[in-house]
Amino acid sequence: MVAADIRGHGVYGREAEGLDPVPCADRAVNAYLGGGDLPCEDVTCPTP
């Protein structure tokens, strides 16, 4: 699970929707989608 301290449901790819990006979330998801392993524990990202 990747969580961010923002009001909303989506934290990945927000920049494409004209919203403030959450770089921490984007890095975690991109690393996984790029063939990486799941993080060992949940990831909590600070407010962008």
PDB file of N, CA and C in Angstrom:
ATOM      1  N   MET A   1       0.841  -1.172   0.000  1.00  0.00           N
ATOM      2  CA  MET A   1       0.000   0.000   0.000  1.00  0.00           C
ATOM      3  C   MET A   1       0.888   1.237   0.000  1.00  0.00           C
ATOM      4  N   VAL A   2       0.500   2.212  -0.797  1.00  0.00           N
ATOM      5  CA  VAL A   2       1.172   3.508  -0.815  1.00  0.00           C
ATOM      6  C   VAL A   2       0.144   4.543  -0.388  1.00  0.00           C
ATOM      7  N   ALA A   3       0.448   5.292   0.631  1.00  0.00           N
ATOM      8  CA  ALA A   3      -0.470   6.308   1.137  1.00  0.00           C
ATOM      9  C   ALA A   3       0.213   7.664   1.111  1.00  0.00           C
ATOM     10  N   ALA A   4      -0.591   8.692   0.918  1.00  0.00           N
ATOM     11  CA  ALA A   4      -0.072  10.062   0.941  1.00  0.00           C
ATOM     12  C   ALA A   4      -0.999  10.914   1.792  1.00  0.00           C
ATOM     13  N   ASP A   5      -0.415  11.892   2.428  1.00  0.00           N
ATOM     14  CA  ASP A   5      -1.169  12.783   3.306  1.00  0.00           C
ATOM     15  C   ASP A   5      -1.865  13.860   2.466  1.00  0.00           C
ATOM     16  N   ILE A   6      -2.863  13.434   1.675  1.00  0.00           N
ATOM     17  CA  ILE A   6      -3.631  14.360   0.841  1.00  0.00           C
ATOM     18  C   ILE A   6      -5.103  14.006   0.956  1.00  0.00           C
ATOM     19  N   ARG A   7      -5.959  14.921   0.547  1.00  0.00           N
ATOM     20  CA  ARG A   7      -7.392  14.633   0.519  1.00  0.00           C
ATOM     21  C   ARG A   7      -7.734  14.128  -0.871  1.00  0.00           C
ATOM     22  N   GLY A   8      -8.067  12.891  -0.964  1.00  0.00           N
ATOM     23  CA  GLY A   8      -8.400  12.292  -2.252  1.00  0.00           C
ATOM     24  C   GLY A   8      -8.076  10.814  -2.226  1.00  0.00           C
ATOM     25  N   HIS A   9      -8.475  10.145  -3.277  1.00  0.00           N
ATOM     26  CA  HIS A   9      -8.289   8.701  -3.324  1.00  0.00           C
ATOM     27  C   HIS A   9      -7.056   8.283  -4.110  1.00  0.00           C
ATOM     28  N   GLY A  10      -6.755   9.005  -5.181  1.00  0.00           N
ATOM     29  CA  GLY A  10      -5.641   8.612  -6.024  1.00  0.00           C
ATOM     30  C   GLY A  10      -4.367   9.356  -5.686  1.00  0.00           C
ATOM     31  N   VAL A  11      -3.263   8.633  -5.611  1.00  0.00           N
ATOM     32  CA  VAL A  11      -1.980   9.283  -5.346  1.00  0.00           C
ATOM     33  C   VAL A  11      -0.996   9.067  -6.483  1.00  0.00           C
ATOM     34  N   TYR A  12      -1.308   8.186  -7.420  1.00  0.00           N
ATOM     35  CA  TYR A  12      -0.384   7.880  -8.519  1.00  0.00           C
ATOM     36  C   TYR A  12      -0.812   8.613  -9.786  1.00  0.00           C
ATOM     37  N   GLY A  13       0.128   9.229 -10.466  1.00  0.00           N
ATOM     38  CA  GLY A  13      -0.140   9.853 -11.744  1.00  0.00           C
ATOM     39  C   GLY A  13      -0.996  11.107 -11.682  1.00  0.00           C
ATOM     40  N   ARG A  14      -0.971  11.792 -10.566  1.00  0.00           N
ATOM     41  CA  ARG A  14      -1.821  12.973 -10.383  1.00  0.00           C
ATOM     42  C   ARG A  14      -1.462  14.105 -11.343  1.00  0.00           C
ATOM     43  N   GLU A  15      -0.201  14.205 -11.700  1.00  0.00           N
ATOM     44  CA  GLU A  15       0.235  15.294 -12.579  1.00  0.00           C
ATOM     45  C   GLU A  15      -0.480  15.236 -13.932  1.00  0.00           C
ATOM     46  N   ALA A  16      -0.762  14.024 -14.414  1.00  0.00           N
ATOM     47  CA  ALA A  16      -1.461  13.867 -15.687  1.00  0.00           C
ATOM     48  C   ALA A  16      -2.877  14.424 -15.620  1.00  0.00           C
ATOM     49  N   GLU A  17      -3.421  14.555 -14.417  1.00  0.00           N
ATOM     50  CA  GLU A  17      -4.772  15.087 -14.234  1.00  0.00           C
ATOM     51  C   GLU A  17      -4.742  16.561 -13.841  1.00  0.00           C
ATOM     52  N   GLY A  18      -3.574  17.185 -13.912  1.00  0.00           N
ATOM     53  CA  GLY A  18      -3.452  18.592 -13.569  1.00  0.00           C
ATOM     54  C   GLY A  18      -3.383  18.853 -12.077  1.00  0.00           C
ATOM     55  N   LEU A  19      -3.150  17.822 -11.298  1.00  0.00           N
ATOM     56  CA  LEU A  19      -3.054  17.955  -9.842  1.00  0.00           C
ATOM     57  C   LEU A  19      -1.594  17.935  -9.420  1.00  0.00           C
ATOM     58  N   ASP A  20      -1.327  18.337  -8.187  1.00  0.00           N
ATOM     59  CA  ASP A  20       0.045  18.296  -7.672  1.00  0.00           C
ATOM     60  C   ASP A  20       0.510  16.848  -7.622  1.00  0.00           C
ATOM     61  N   PRO A  21       1.669  16.549  -8.213  1.00  0.00           N
ATOM     62  CA  PRO A  21       2.171  15.177  -8.169  1.00  0.00           C
ATOM     63  C   PRO A  21       2.634  14.787  -6.765  1.00  0.00           C
ATOM     64  N   VAL A  22       2.695  13.502  -6.529  1.00  0.00           N
ATOM     65  CA  VAL A  22       3.234  12.950  -5.281  1.00  0.00           C
ATOM     66  C   VAL A  22       4.436  12.095  -5.701  1.00  0.00           C
ATOM     67  N   PRO A  23       5.621  12.733  -5.833  1.00  0.00           N
ATOM     68  CA  PRO A  23       6.789  12.023  -6.366  1.00  0.00           C
ATOM     69  C   PRO A  23       7.128  10.736  -5.622  1.00  0.00           C
ATOM     70  N   CYS A  24       6.972  10.731  -4.317  1.00  0.00           N
ATOM     71  CA  CYS A  24       7.261   9.535  -3.521  1.00  0.00           C
ATOM     72  C   CYS A  24       6.379   8.368  -3.976  1.00  0.00           C
ATOM     73  N   ALA A  25       5.098   8.626  -4.178  1.00  0.00           N
ATOM     74  CA  ALA A  25       4.167   7.577  -4.618  1.00  0.00           C
ATOM     75  C   ALA A  25       4.481   7.149  -6.044  1.00  0.00           C
ATOM     76  N   ASP A  26       4.750   8.117  -6.907  1.00  0.00           N
ATOM     77  CA  ASP A  26       5.070   7.784  -8.295  1.00  0.00           C
ATOM     78  C   ASP A  26       6.315   6.897  -8.370  1.00  0.00           C
ATOM     79  N   ARG A  27       7.338   7.208  -7.580  1.00  0.00           N
ATOM     80  CA  ARG A  27       8.568   6.386  -7.581  1.00  0.00           C
ATOM     81  C   ARG A  27       8.277   4.969  -7.110  1.00  0.00           C
ATOM     82  N   ALA A  28       7.506   4.831  -6.038  1.00  0.00           N
ATOM     83  CA  ALA A  28       7.214   3.498  -5.495  1.00  0.00           C
ATOM     84  C   ALA A  28       6.428   2.659  -6.493  1.00  0.00           C
ATOM     85  N   VAL A  29       5.418   3.246  -7.112  1.00  0.00           N
ATOM     86  CA  VAL A  29       4.599   2.508  -8.079  1.00  0.00           C
ATOM     87  C   VAL A  29       5.399   2.204  -9.335  1.00  0.00           C
ATOM     88  N   ASN A  30       6.142   3.179  -9.844  1.00  0.00           N
ATOM     89  CA  ASN A  30       6.944   2.941 -11.047  1.00  0.00           C
ATOM     90  C   ASN A  30       7.981   1.850 -10.825  1.00  0.00           C
ATOM     91  N   ALA A  31       8.582   1.806  -9.652  1.00  0.00           N
ATOM     92  CA  ALA A  31       9.568   0.764  -9.354  1.00  0.00           C
ATOM     93  C   ALA A  31       8.918  -0.618  -9.401  1.00  0.00           C
ATOM     94  N   TYR A  32       7.722  -0.725  -8.861  1.00  0.00           N
ATOM     95  CA  TYR A  32       7.013  -2.006  -8.875  1.00  0.00           C
ATOM     96  C   TYR A  32       6.581  -2.366 -10.301  1.00  0.00           C
ATOM     97  N   LEU A  33       5.961  -1.423 -11.000  1.00  0.00           N
ATOM     98  CA  LEU A  33       5.480  -1.698 -12.354  1.00  0.00           C
ATOM     99  C   LEU A  33       6.624  -1.967 -13.323  1.00  0.00           C
ATOM    100  N   GLY A  34       7.800  -1.445 -13.006  1.00  0.00           N
ATOM    101  CA  GLY A  34       8.969  -1.661 -13.849  1.00  0.00           C
ATOM    102  C   GLY A  34       9.633  -3.011 -13.627  1.00  0.00           C
ATOM    103  N   GLY A  35       8.983  -3.901 -12.916  1.00  0.00           N
ATOM    104  CA  GLY A  35       9.524  -5.237 -12.715  1.00  0.00           C
ATOM    105  C   GLY A  35      10.165  -5.455 -11.361  1.00  0.00           C
ATOM    106  N   GLY A  36      10.007  -4.490 -10.485  1.00  0.00           N
ATOM    107  CA  GLY A  36      10.599  -4.624  -9.157  1.00  0.00           C
ATOM    108  C   GLY A  36       9.719  -5.418  -8.208  1.00  0.00           C
ATOM    109  N   ASP A  37      10.251  -5.646  -7.057  1.00  0.00           N
ATOM    110  CA  ASP A  37       9.506  -6.337  -6.007  1.00  0.00           C
ATOM    111  C   ASP A  37       8.628  -5.353  -5.267  1.00  0.00           C
ATOM    112  N   LEU A  38       7.638  -5.881  -4.579  1.00  0.00           N
ATOM    113  CA  LEU A  38       6.835  -5.048  -3.692  1.00  0.00           C
ATOM    114  C   LEU A  38       7.709  -4.553  -2.549  1.00  0.00           C
ATOM    115  N   PRO A  39       7.444  -3.359  -2.032  1.00  0.00           N
ATOM    116  CA  PRO A  39       8.195  -2.897  -0.853  1.00  0.00           C
ATOM    117  C   PRO A  39       7.998  -3.867   0.318  1.00  0.00           C
ATOM    118  N   CYS A  40       8.974  -3.937   1.176  1.00  0.00           N
ATOM    119  CA  CYS A  40       8.902  -4.822   2.339  1.00  0.00           C
ATOM    120  C   CYS A  40       7.812  -4.383   3.322  1.00  0.00           C
ATOM    121  N   GLU A  41       7.506  -3.088   3.312  1.00  0.00           N
ATOM    122  CA  GLU A  41       6.466  -2.569   4.205  1.00  0.00           C
ATOM    123  C   GLU A  41       5.732  -1.441   3.491  1.00  0.00           C
ATOM    124  N   ASP A  42       4.627  -1.008   4.066  1.00  0.00           N
ATOM    125  CA  ASP A  42       3.848   0.061   3.472  1.00  0.00           C
ATOM    126  C   ASP A  42       4.695   1.320   3.308  1.00  0.00           C
ATOM    127  N   VAL A  43       4.352   2.124   2.312  1.00  0.00           N
ATOM    128  CA  VAL A  43       5.046   3.372   2.037  1.00  0.00           C
ATOM    129  C   VAL A  43       4.096   4.524   2.368  1.00  0.00           C
ATOM    130  N   THR A  44       4.545   5.455   3.173  1.00  0.00           N
ATOM    131  CA  THR A  44       3.763   6.651   3.480  1.00  0.00           C
ATOM    132  C   THR A  44       4.520   7.850   2.939  1.00  0.00           C
ATOM    133  N   CYS A  45       3.846   8.625   2.102  1.00  0.00           N
ATOM    134  CA  CYS A  45       4.481   9.773   1.459  1.00  0.00           C
ATOM    135  C   CYS A  45       4.014  11.058   2.108  1.00  0.00           C
ATOM    136  N   PRO A  46       4.910  12.047   2.213  1.00  0.00           N
ATOM    137  CA  PRO A  46       4.525  13.340   2.774  1.00  0.00           C
ATOM    138  C   PRO A  46       3.636  14.118   1.801  1.00  0.00           C
ATOM    139  N   THR A  47       2.958  15.124   2.308  1.00  0.00           N
ATOM    140  CA  THR A  47       2.153  15.991   1.466  1.00  0.00           C
ATOM    141  C   THR A  47       3.035  16.668   0.434  1.00  0.00           C
ATOM    142  N   PRO A  48       2.598  16.662  -0.825  1.00  0.00           N
ATOM    143  CA  PRO A  48       3.425  17.306  -1.852  1.00  0.00           C
ATOM    144  C   PRO A  48       3.462  18.816  -1.690  1.00  0.00           C
TER     145      PRO A  48
END
